[in-house]
């Protein structure tokens, strides 16, 4: 659990980003399990995207998106539905990468994608894909991205990711909660 003062902790227990009661329907034990498995899916997707990014930066041709995902996913215990969601995220982020990178670049003032840490770059790609192509609530997308940045990035990653995604969300979503 987050403690006070940390990025992304703008709500009380069971509350939304603005402190109001959650409208996402995750108050039940089943809802919490779904959120936990989706979070695990995003962790696996991020690690796969990171591995693909690192392989692309080397001089060799790495394994395919599918091979990389299957290799990494084999190291995680998760329900089949969570694995399928992670695989879908990886495939879709990879397939929409030029569009996603263009949007991120347009909102990352003074930061080229190549200068960002690989973790930050891939957290942003994953979340930008979800903002563009899913019905996941904006607050959930941003909160999940901030959690991934806290877990896998450096000390400045959560605020960096949050700032860029806030700008992206305002430009690609009709209403930002």
N, C-alpha and C. Protein backbone atom coordinates (compact mmCIF):
# COMPACT_ATOMS: atom_id res chain seq x y z
N UNK A 1 0.83 -1.19 0.00
CA UNK A 1 0.00 0.00 0.00
C UNK A 1 0.86 1.24 0.00
N UNK A 2 0.34 2.27 -0.62
CA UNK A 2 1.05 3.55 -0.64
C UNK A 2 0.86 4.24 0.70
N UNK A 3 1.84 5.01 1.08
CA UNK A 3 1.70 5.83 2.27
C UNK A 3 1.45 7.26 1.83
N UNK A 4 1.08 8.11 2.76
CA UNK A 4 0.76 9.49 2.44
C UNK A 4 1.89 10.20 1.73
N UNK A 5 1.55 11.09 0.81
CA UNK A 5 2.54 11.90 0.13
C UNK A 5 3.12 11.27 -1.13
N UNK A 6 2.79 10.01 -1.39
CA UNK A 6 3.34 9.38 -2.59
C UNK A 6 2.46 9.66 -3.78
N UNK A 7 3.06 9.67 -4.94
CA UNK A 7 2.36 9.92 -6.19
C UNK A 7 1.24 8.91 -6.38
N UNK A 8 0.10 9.38 -6.87
CA UNK A 8 -1.00 8.49 -7.17
C UNK A 8 -1.87 8.14 -5.99
N UNK A 9 -1.59 8.67 -4.82
CA UNK A 9 -2.36 8.34 -3.63
C UNK A 9 -3.41 9.37 -3.31
N UNK A 10 -4.05 9.97 -4.31
CA UNK A 10 -4.96 11.07 -4.10
C UNK A 10 -6.34 10.67 -3.65
N UNK A 11 -6.52 9.44 -3.21
CA UNK A 11 -7.83 9.04 -2.75
C UNK A 11 -7.71 8.27 -1.46
N UNK A 12 -8.79 8.27 -0.74
CA UNK A 12 -8.84 7.49 0.49
C UNK A 12 -9.20 6.06 0.17
N UNK A 13 -9.32 5.23 1.20
CA UNK A 13 -9.67 3.83 0.97
C UNK A 13 -11.00 3.72 0.23
N UNK A 14 -10.98 3.00 -0.89
CA UNK A 14 -12.19 2.81 -1.66
C UNK A 14 -12.60 4.03 -2.46
N UNK A 15 -11.80 5.07 -2.42
CA UNK A 15 -12.16 6.30 -3.11
C UNK A 15 -11.52 6.42 -4.47
N UNK A 16 -12.00 7.37 -5.23
CA UNK A 16 -11.48 7.65 -6.56
C UNK A 16 -10.41 8.71 -6.43
N UNK A 17 -9.82 9.15 -7.56
CA UNK A 17 -8.74 10.12 -7.54
C UNK A 17 -9.14 11.42 -6.85
N UNK A 18 -10.43 11.76 -6.93
CA UNK A 18 -10.88 13.00 -6.29
C UNK A 18 -11.36 12.78 -4.87
N UNK A 19 -11.23 11.56 -4.35
CA UNK A 19 -11.61 11.25 -2.98
C UNK A 19 -13.04 10.74 -2.86
N UNK A 20 -13.81 10.77 -3.95
CA UNK A 20 -15.18 10.28 -3.90
C UNK A 20 -15.19 8.76 -3.95
N UNK A 21 -16.33 8.19 -3.64
CA UNK A 21 -16.45 6.73 -3.67
C UNK A 21 -16.14 6.22 -5.07
N UNK A 22 -15.54 5.06 -5.15
CA UNK A 22 -15.14 4.49 -6.44
C UNK A 22 -16.35 4.16 -7.29
N UNK A 23 -16.27 4.55 -8.54
CA UNK A 23 -17.34 4.24 -9.49
C UNK A 23 -16.91 3.10 -10.41
N UNK A 24 -15.77 2.49 -10.12
CA UNK A 24 -15.23 1.47 -11.01
C UNK A 24 -15.76 0.07 -10.70
N UNK A 25 -16.51 -0.09 -9.60
CA UNK A 25 -17.11 -1.37 -9.28
C UNK A 25 -16.14 -2.41 -8.77
N UNK A 26 -15.05 -2.01 -8.15
CA UNK A 26 -14.05 -2.97 -7.69
C UNK A 26 -14.08 -3.13 -6.18
N UNK A 27 -15.22 -2.82 -5.56
CA UNK A 27 -15.30 -2.89 -4.10
C UNK A 27 -15.41 -4.32 -3.61
N UNK A 28 -15.81 -5.25 -4.44
CA UNK A 28 -16.00 -6.64 -4.04
C UNK A 28 -14.67 -7.39 -4.09
N UNK A 29 -14.67 -8.54 -3.43
CA UNK A 29 -13.46 -9.37 -3.47
C UNK A 29 -13.14 -9.79 -4.89
N UNK A 30 -14.17 -10.10 -5.68
CA UNK A 30 -13.96 -10.48 -7.08
C UNK A 30 -13.36 -9.31 -7.85
N UNK A 31 -13.85 -8.13 -7.59
CA UNK A 31 -13.33 -6.93 -8.26
C UNK A 31 -11.87 -6.68 -7.91
N UNK A 32 -11.52 -6.89 -6.65
CA UNK A 32 -10.12 -6.71 -6.23
C UNK A 32 -9.22 -7.74 -6.88
N UNK A 33 -9.70 -8.99 -7.02
CA UNK A 33 -8.92 -10.03 -7.70
C UNK A 33 -8.73 -9.68 -9.17
N UNK A 34 -9.78 -9.16 -9.80
CA UNK A 34 -9.68 -8.76 -11.20
C UNK A 34 -8.64 -7.65 -11.35
N UNK A 35 -8.69 -6.66 -10.46
CA UNK A 35 -7.71 -5.58 -10.54
C UNK A 35 -6.30 -6.10 -10.31
N UNK A 36 -6.14 -7.03 -9.36
CA UNK A 36 -4.81 -7.58 -9.09
C UNK A 36 -4.30 -8.37 -10.29
N UNK A 37 -5.18 -9.14 -10.95
CA UNK A 37 -4.71 -9.90 -12.11
C UNK A 37 -4.43 -8.97 -13.29
N UNK A 38 -5.20 -7.91 -13.42
CA UNK A 38 -4.92 -6.92 -14.48
C UNK A 38 -3.59 -6.22 -14.20
N UNK A 39 -3.33 -5.93 -12.93
CA UNK A 39 -2.05 -5.30 -12.58
C UNK A 39 -0.90 -6.24 -12.93
N UNK A 40 -1.06 -7.53 -12.59
CA UNK A 40 -0.03 -8.51 -12.93
C UNK A 40 0.14 -8.57 -14.44
N UNK A 41 -0.96 -8.50 -15.19
CA UNK A 41 -0.88 -8.51 -16.65
C UNK A 41 -0.06 -7.33 -17.15
N UNK A 42 -0.29 -6.16 -16.57
CA UNK A 42 0.46 -4.97 -16.99
C UNK A 42 1.93 -5.10 -16.62
N UNK A 43 2.23 -5.72 -15.48
CA UNK A 43 3.64 -5.94 -15.12
C UNK A 43 4.34 -6.82 -16.16
N UNK A 44 3.68 -7.91 -16.54
CA UNK A 44 4.26 -8.82 -17.53
C UNK A 44 4.37 -8.12 -18.88
N UNK A 45 3.34 -7.37 -19.25
CA UNK A 45 3.38 -6.63 -20.52
C UNK A 45 4.53 -5.63 -20.51
N UNK A 46 4.71 -4.90 -19.41
CA UNK A 46 5.80 -3.93 -19.31
C UNK A 46 7.15 -4.63 -19.45
N UNK A 47 7.33 -5.73 -18.76
CA UNK A 47 8.62 -6.42 -18.83
C UNK A 47 8.89 -6.95 -20.24
N UNK A 48 7.85 -7.39 -20.92
CA UNK A 48 8.01 -7.85 -22.29
C UNK A 48 8.37 -6.69 -23.21
N UNK A 49 7.65 -5.57 -23.07
CA UNK A 49 7.95 -4.39 -23.89
C UNK A 49 9.37 -3.89 -23.63
N UNK A 50 9.80 -3.93 -22.38
CA UNK A 50 11.16 -3.54 -22.02
C UNK A 50 12.17 -4.45 -22.72
N UNK A 51 11.93 -5.76 -22.65
CA UNK A 51 12.86 -6.71 -23.29
C UNK A 51 12.92 -6.49 -24.80
N UNK A 52 11.77 -6.25 -25.41
CA UNK A 52 11.74 -5.98 -26.85
C UNK A 52 12.48 -4.69 -27.18
N UNK A 53 12.30 -3.68 -26.35
CA UNK A 53 12.97 -2.40 -26.55
C UNK A 53 14.49 -2.57 -26.46
N UNK A 54 14.94 -3.32 -25.47
CA UNK A 54 16.38 -3.54 -25.30
C UNK A 54 16.95 -4.35 -26.47
N UNK A 55 16.22 -5.35 -26.92
CA UNK A 55 16.67 -6.16 -28.05
C UNK A 55 16.77 -5.31 -29.32
N UNK A 56 15.83 -4.39 -29.50
CA UNK A 56 15.82 -3.53 -30.70
C UNK A 56 16.99 -2.55 -30.68
N UNK A 57 17.49 -2.22 -29.52
CA UNK A 57 18.60 -1.27 -29.41
C UNK A 57 19.95 -1.93 -29.64
N UNK A 58 19.99 -3.25 -29.57
CA UNK A 58 21.24 -3.96 -29.82
C UNK A 58 21.46 -4.14 -31.32
N UNK A 59 22.56 -4.75 -31.65
CA UNK A 59 22.89 -4.97 -33.06
C UNK A 59 22.28 -6.25 -33.62
N UNK A 60 21.69 -7.06 -32.77
CA UNK A 60 21.18 -8.33 -33.24
C UNK A 60 19.65 -8.28 -33.37
N UNK A 61 19.14 -9.18 -34.18
CA UNK A 61 17.70 -9.32 -34.31
C UNK A 61 17.25 -10.25 -33.20
N UNK A 62 16.34 -9.77 -32.37
CA UNK A 62 15.87 -10.56 -31.24
C UNK A 62 14.71 -11.45 -31.62
N UNK A 63 14.22 -12.20 -30.65
CA UNK A 63 13.07 -13.05 -30.91
C UNK A 63 11.82 -12.21 -31.22
N UNK A 64 10.81 -12.85 -31.75
CA UNK A 64 9.58 -12.14 -32.11
C UNK A 64 8.86 -11.65 -30.86
N UNK A 65 7.88 -10.80 -31.08
CA UNK A 65 7.06 -10.30 -29.98
C UNK A 65 6.42 -11.47 -29.23
N UNK A 66 5.86 -12.41 -29.98
CA UNK A 66 5.18 -13.56 -29.37
C UNK A 66 6.15 -14.44 -28.58
N UNK A 67 7.32 -14.71 -29.16
CA UNK A 67 8.32 -15.54 -28.46
C UNK A 67 8.79 -14.86 -27.18
N UNK A 68 9.04 -13.58 -27.26
CA UNK A 68 9.50 -12.84 -26.07
C UNK A 68 8.43 -12.87 -25.00
N UNK A 69 7.19 -12.64 -25.39
CA UNK A 69 6.09 -12.67 -24.41
C UNK A 69 5.97 -14.05 -23.77
N UNK A 70 5.94 -15.10 -24.57
CA UNK A 70 5.78 -16.45 -24.03
C UNK A 70 6.92 -16.81 -23.08
N UNK A 71 8.14 -16.43 -23.43
CA UNK A 71 9.29 -16.71 -22.57
C UNK A 71 9.15 -16.02 -21.22
N UNK A 72 8.78 -14.74 -21.23
CA UNK A 72 8.64 -13.99 -19.97
C UNK A 72 7.42 -14.43 -19.19
N UNK A 73 6.29 -14.63 -19.86
CA UNK A 73 5.06 -14.99 -19.17
C UNK A 73 5.18 -16.33 -18.45
N UNK A 74 6.04 -17.21 -18.95
CA UNK A 74 6.23 -18.52 -18.33
C UNK A 74 6.80 -18.40 -16.91
N UNK A 75 7.39 -17.25 -16.58
CA UNK A 75 8.00 -17.05 -15.26
C UNK A 75 7.01 -16.47 -14.24
N UNK A 76 5.76 -16.26 -14.63
CA UNK A 76 4.78 -15.65 -13.75
C UNK A 76 3.58 -16.56 -13.58
N UNK A 77 3.10 -16.63 -12.34
CA UNK A 77 1.86 -17.34 -12.08
C UNK A 77 0.73 -16.36 -12.27
N UNK A 78 -0.16 -16.67 -13.19
CA UNK A 78 -1.34 -15.83 -13.38
C UNK A 78 -2.41 -16.62 -14.10
N UNK A 79 -3.66 -16.25 -13.86
CA UNK A 79 -4.76 -16.94 -14.56
C UNK A 79 -4.63 -16.78 -16.07
N UNK A 80 -5.23 -17.70 -16.79
CA UNK A 80 -5.17 -17.64 -18.26
C UNK A 80 -5.72 -16.33 -18.81
N UNK A 81 -6.78 -15.82 -18.18
CA UNK A 81 -7.37 -14.56 -18.65
C UNK A 81 -6.37 -13.41 -18.48
N UNK A 82 -5.61 -13.43 -17.40
CA UNK A 82 -4.60 -12.39 -17.18
C UNK A 82 -3.47 -12.52 -18.19
N UNK A 83 -3.08 -13.74 -18.49
CA UNK A 83 -2.05 -13.97 -19.50
C UNK A 83 -2.53 -13.49 -20.86
N UNK A 84 -3.78 -13.77 -21.18
CA UNK A 84 -4.33 -13.35 -22.46
C UNK A 84 -4.37 -11.81 -22.54
N UNK A 85 -4.74 -11.15 -21.45
CA UNK A 85 -4.78 -9.69 -21.42
C UNK A 85 -3.37 -9.13 -21.61
N UNK A 86 -2.39 -9.71 -20.93
CA UNK A 86 -1.01 -9.26 -21.07
C UNK A 86 -0.53 -9.43 -22.51
N UNK A 87 -0.83 -10.58 -23.11
CA UNK A 87 -0.44 -10.82 -24.49
C UNK A 87 -1.09 -9.85 -25.46
N UNK A 88 -2.36 -9.55 -25.20
CA UNK A 88 -3.08 -8.58 -26.03
C UNK A 88 -2.42 -7.20 -25.91
N UNK A 89 -2.10 -6.79 -24.69
CA UNK A 89 -1.45 -5.49 -24.48
C UNK A 89 -0.13 -5.42 -25.25
N UNK A 90 0.69 -6.44 -25.12
CA UNK A 90 1.99 -6.45 -25.79
C UNK A 90 1.82 -6.37 -27.30
N UNK A 91 0.95 -7.20 -27.84
CA UNK A 91 0.73 -7.20 -29.28
C UNK A 91 0.18 -5.88 -29.80
N UNK A 92 -0.76 -5.32 -29.07
CA UNK A 92 -1.38 -4.07 -29.51
C UNK A 92 -0.44 -2.87 -29.35
N UNK A 93 0.29 -2.81 -28.25
CA UNK A 93 1.26 -1.72 -28.08
C UNK A 93 2.32 -1.81 -29.18
N UNK A 94 2.80 -3.02 -29.46
CA UNK A 94 3.79 -3.20 -30.52
C UNK A 94 3.22 -2.80 -31.87
N UNK A 95 1.98 -3.18 -32.13
CA UNK A 95 1.35 -2.88 -33.41
C UNK A 95 1.02 -1.40 -33.62
N UNK A 96 0.78 -0.68 -32.54
CA UNK A 96 0.43 0.75 -32.61
C UNK A 96 1.60 1.65 -32.21
N UNK A 97 2.80 1.07 -32.12
CA UNK A 97 3.93 1.83 -31.59
C UNK A 97 4.22 3.14 -32.30
N UNK A 98 4.20 3.23 -33.63
CA UNK A 98 4.48 4.53 -34.25
C UNK A 98 3.47 5.62 -33.82
N UNK A 99 2.19 5.26 -33.78
CA UNK A 99 1.15 6.20 -33.35
C UNK A 99 1.36 6.60 -31.89
N UNK A 100 1.62 5.61 -31.04
CA UNK A 100 1.81 5.85 -29.62
C UNK A 100 3.03 6.74 -29.39
N UNK A 101 4.14 6.41 -30.04
CA UNK A 101 5.37 7.18 -29.87
C UNK A 101 5.19 8.63 -30.32
N UNK A 102 4.43 8.83 -31.38
CA UNK A 102 4.19 10.19 -31.86
C UNK A 102 3.40 11.00 -30.82
N UNK A 103 2.40 10.37 -30.22
CA UNK A 103 1.60 11.06 -29.20
C UNK A 103 2.45 11.37 -27.97
N UNK A 104 3.22 10.41 -27.51
CA UNK A 104 4.08 10.64 -26.34
C UNK A 104 5.06 11.77 -26.65
N UNK A 105 5.69 11.72 -27.81
CA UNK A 105 6.67 12.75 -28.19
C UNK A 105 6.05 14.13 -28.21
N UNK A 106 4.79 14.21 -28.61
CA UNK A 106 4.10 15.49 -28.65
C UNK A 106 3.81 16.09 -27.29
N UNK A 107 3.84 15.26 -26.25
CA UNK A 107 3.53 15.74 -24.90
C UNK A 107 4.73 15.70 -23.96
N UNK A 108 5.83 15.15 -24.40
CA UNK A 108 7.03 15.05 -23.56
C UNK A 108 7.94 16.23 -23.90
N UNK A 109 7.60 17.37 -23.36
CA UNK A 109 8.37 18.58 -23.66
C UNK A 109 9.82 18.41 -23.22
N UNK A 110 10.72 18.74 -24.12
CA UNK A 110 12.16 18.68 -23.87
C UNK A 110 12.69 17.26 -23.63
N UNK A 111 11.91 16.26 -23.99
CA UNK A 111 12.36 14.87 -23.82
C UNK A 111 12.10 14.09 -25.11
N UNK A 112 13.16 13.66 -25.76
CA UNK A 112 13.01 12.73 -26.88
C UNK A 112 12.81 11.33 -26.30
N UNK A 113 12.08 10.49 -27.01
CA UNK A 113 11.86 9.13 -26.53
C UNK A 113 13.17 8.41 -26.22
N UNK A 114 14.15 8.60 -27.07
CA UNK A 114 15.43 7.94 -26.88
C UNK A 114 16.19 8.37 -25.64
N UNK A 115 15.87 9.54 -25.10
CA UNK A 115 16.52 10.03 -23.88
C UNK A 115 15.84 9.54 -22.62
N UNK A 116 14.60 9.09 -22.75
CA UNK A 116 13.88 8.58 -21.57
C UNK A 116 14.46 7.24 -21.16
N UNK A 117 14.31 6.92 -19.88
CA UNK A 117 14.71 5.57 -19.47
C UNK A 117 13.79 4.57 -20.17
N UNK A 118 14.30 3.39 -20.40
CA UNK A 118 13.50 2.37 -21.08
C UNK A 118 12.24 2.02 -20.30
N UNK A 119 12.33 2.02 -18.97
CA UNK A 119 11.15 1.74 -18.16
C UNK A 119 10.10 2.82 -18.37
N UNK A 120 10.49 4.09 -18.23
CA UNK A 120 9.54 5.19 -18.40
C UNK A 120 8.92 5.16 -19.79
N UNK A 121 9.73 4.97 -20.79
CA UNK A 121 9.26 4.95 -22.18
C UNK A 121 8.20 3.86 -22.39
N UNK A 122 8.43 2.69 -21.83
CA UNK A 122 7.51 1.58 -22.03
C UNK A 122 6.28 1.65 -21.13
N UNK A 123 6.41 2.22 -19.95
CA UNK A 123 5.22 2.49 -19.12
C UNK A 123 4.32 3.48 -19.87
N UNK A 124 4.92 4.52 -20.44
CA UNK A 124 4.15 5.51 -21.21
C UNK A 124 3.49 4.87 -22.43
N UNK A 125 4.19 4.00 -23.11
CA UNK A 125 3.61 3.33 -24.28
C UNK A 125 2.40 2.49 -23.88
N UNK A 126 2.56 1.72 -22.83
CA UNK A 126 1.48 0.85 -22.36
C UNK A 126 0.26 1.67 -21.97
N UNK A 127 0.45 2.70 -21.18
CA UNK A 127 -0.67 3.53 -20.72
C UNK A 127 -1.28 4.34 -21.86
N UNK A 128 -0.46 4.85 -22.76
CA UNK A 128 -1.00 5.61 -23.89
C UNK A 128 -1.85 4.72 -24.77
N UNK A 129 -1.42 3.48 -24.98
CA UNK A 129 -2.25 2.54 -25.74
C UNK A 129 -3.61 2.39 -25.06
N UNK A 130 -3.62 2.19 -23.74
CA UNK A 130 -4.89 2.01 -23.04
C UNK A 130 -5.75 3.26 -23.11
N UNK A 131 -5.14 4.43 -23.03
CA UNK A 131 -5.92 5.66 -23.15
C UNK A 131 -6.55 5.79 -24.54
N UNK A 132 -5.83 5.37 -25.55
CA UNK A 132 -6.31 5.48 -26.93
C UNK A 132 -7.32 4.41 -27.32
N UNK A 133 -7.08 3.18 -26.89
CA UNK A 133 -7.79 2.05 -27.47
C UNK A 133 -8.53 1.17 -26.47
N UNK A 134 -8.78 1.66 -25.27
CA UNK A 134 -9.54 0.85 -24.32
C UNK A 134 -10.58 1.73 -23.62
N UNK A 135 -11.46 1.07 -22.93
CA UNK A 135 -12.46 1.79 -22.15
C UNK A 135 -12.07 1.84 -20.69
N UNK A 136 -10.86 1.44 -20.36
CA UNK A 136 -10.40 1.52 -18.99
C UNK A 136 -10.46 2.97 -18.54
N UNK A 137 -11.05 3.24 -17.38
CA UNK A 137 -11.15 4.63 -16.92
C UNK A 137 -9.79 5.31 -16.85
N UNK A 138 -9.77 6.58 -17.21
CA UNK A 138 -8.53 7.35 -17.24
C UNK A 138 -7.78 7.26 -15.92
N UNK A 139 -8.51 7.42 -14.81
CA UNK A 139 -7.86 7.39 -13.49
C UNK A 139 -7.18 6.05 -13.25
N UNK A 140 -7.80 4.97 -13.69
CA UNK A 140 -7.22 3.63 -13.51
C UNK A 140 -5.96 3.50 -14.36
N UNK A 141 -6.01 3.93 -15.60
CA UNK A 141 -4.84 3.86 -16.49
C UNK A 141 -3.66 4.61 -15.88
N UNK A 142 -3.91 5.84 -15.44
CA UNK A 142 -2.82 6.66 -14.90
C UNK A 142 -2.32 6.08 -13.58
N UNK A 143 -3.23 5.67 -12.69
CA UNK A 143 -2.80 5.09 -11.41
C UNK A 143 -1.97 3.83 -11.62
N UNK A 144 -2.39 2.97 -12.54
CA UNK A 144 -1.63 1.75 -12.83
C UNK A 144 -0.25 2.10 -13.38
N UNK A 145 -0.19 3.07 -14.26
CA UNK A 145 1.11 3.47 -14.83
C UNK A 145 2.03 4.01 -13.75
N UNK A 146 1.49 4.81 -12.85
CA UNK A 146 2.30 5.36 -11.76
C UNK A 146 2.80 4.23 -10.85
N UNK A 147 1.95 3.24 -10.58
CA UNK A 147 2.38 2.09 -9.78
C UNK A 147 3.50 1.32 -10.46
N UNK A 148 3.39 1.12 -11.78
CA UNK A 148 4.45 0.44 -12.52
C UNK A 148 5.74 1.26 -12.48
N UNK A 149 5.62 2.57 -12.62
CA UNK A 149 6.80 3.44 -12.57
C UNK A 149 7.45 3.39 -11.19
N UNK A 150 6.64 3.32 -10.14
CA UNK A 150 7.19 3.20 -8.78
C UNK A 150 7.93 1.88 -8.60
N UNK A 151 7.35 0.82 -9.13
CA UNK A 151 7.92 -0.52 -8.94
C UNK A 151 9.16 -0.76 -9.78
N UNK A 152 9.20 -0.23 -11.00
CA UNK A 152 10.26 -0.59 -11.92
C UNK A 152 11.16 0.57 -12.33
N UNK A 153 10.73 1.79 -12.06
CA UNK A 153 11.51 2.96 -12.50
C UNK A 153 12.40 3.50 -11.40
N UNK A 154 12.89 4.72 -11.62
CA UNK A 154 13.72 5.38 -10.62
C UNK A 154 12.86 6.33 -9.79
N UNK A 155 13.49 7.09 -8.91
CA UNK A 155 12.74 7.96 -7.99
C UNK A 155 11.88 9.00 -8.70
N UNK A 156 12.33 9.49 -9.86
CA UNK A 156 11.57 10.52 -10.56
C UNK A 156 10.55 9.95 -11.55
N UNK A 157 10.56 8.65 -11.76
CA UNK A 157 9.68 8.03 -12.75
C UNK A 157 8.19 8.27 -12.49
N UNK A 158 7.70 8.09 -11.26
CA UNK A 158 6.25 8.27 -11.06
C UNK A 158 5.75 9.66 -11.44
N UNK A 159 6.44 10.69 -11.03
CA UNK A 159 5.97 12.05 -11.36
C UNK A 159 6.15 12.35 -12.84
N UNK A 160 7.23 11.86 -13.44
CA UNK A 160 7.46 12.04 -14.87
C UNK A 160 6.34 11.39 -15.68
N UNK A 161 6.04 10.14 -15.38
CA UNK A 161 5.00 9.38 -16.07
C UNK A 161 3.64 10.04 -15.85
N UNK A 162 3.35 10.42 -14.62
CA UNK A 162 2.06 11.05 -14.30
C UNK A 162 1.86 12.33 -15.09
N UNK A 163 2.88 13.16 -15.16
CA UNK A 163 2.76 14.44 -15.87
C UNK A 163 2.51 14.26 -17.35
N UNK A 164 3.25 13.37 -17.98
CA UNK A 164 3.06 13.15 -19.42
C UNK A 164 1.70 12.50 -19.70
N UNK A 165 1.33 11.52 -18.89
CA UNK A 165 0.05 10.85 -19.13
C UNK A 165 -1.14 11.77 -18.89
N UNK A 166 -1.02 12.68 -17.94
CA UNK A 166 -2.10 13.64 -17.72
C UNK A 166 -2.31 14.47 -18.98
N UNK A 167 -1.22 14.93 -19.59
CA UNK A 167 -1.32 15.71 -20.82
C UNK A 167 -1.86 14.84 -21.97
N UNK A 168 -1.39 13.61 -22.07
CA UNK A 168 -1.88 12.72 -23.12
C UNK A 168 -3.38 12.49 -22.94
N UNK A 169 -3.80 12.19 -21.70
CA UNK A 169 -5.21 11.92 -21.44
C UNK A 169 -6.10 13.10 -21.82
N UNK A 170 -5.65 14.31 -21.50
CA UNK A 170 -6.44 15.49 -21.84
C UNK A 170 -6.56 15.68 -23.36
N UNK A 171 -5.60 15.18 -24.10
CA UNK A 171 -5.66 15.37 -25.56
C UNK A 171 -6.38 14.23 -26.28
N UNK A 172 -6.43 13.04 -25.70
CA UNK A 172 -7.02 11.91 -26.43
C UNK A 172 -8.35 11.42 -25.88
N UNK A 173 -8.71 11.83 -24.69
CA UNK A 173 -9.98 11.41 -24.11
C UNK A 173 -10.94 12.58 -24.04
N UNK A 174 -12.22 12.30 -24.30
CA UNK A 174 -13.25 13.34 -24.27
C UNK A 174 -13.34 13.98 -22.89
N UNK A 175 -13.45 13.14 -21.86
CA UNK A 175 -13.51 13.66 -20.51
C UNK A 175 -12.47 12.95 -19.68
N UNK A 176 -11.80 13.69 -18.87
CA UNK A 176 -10.77 13.14 -18.00
C UNK A 176 -11.28 13.24 -16.58
N UNK A 177 -11.44 12.05 -15.94
CA UNK A 177 -11.95 12.02 -14.57
C UNK A 177 -10.89 12.43 -13.59
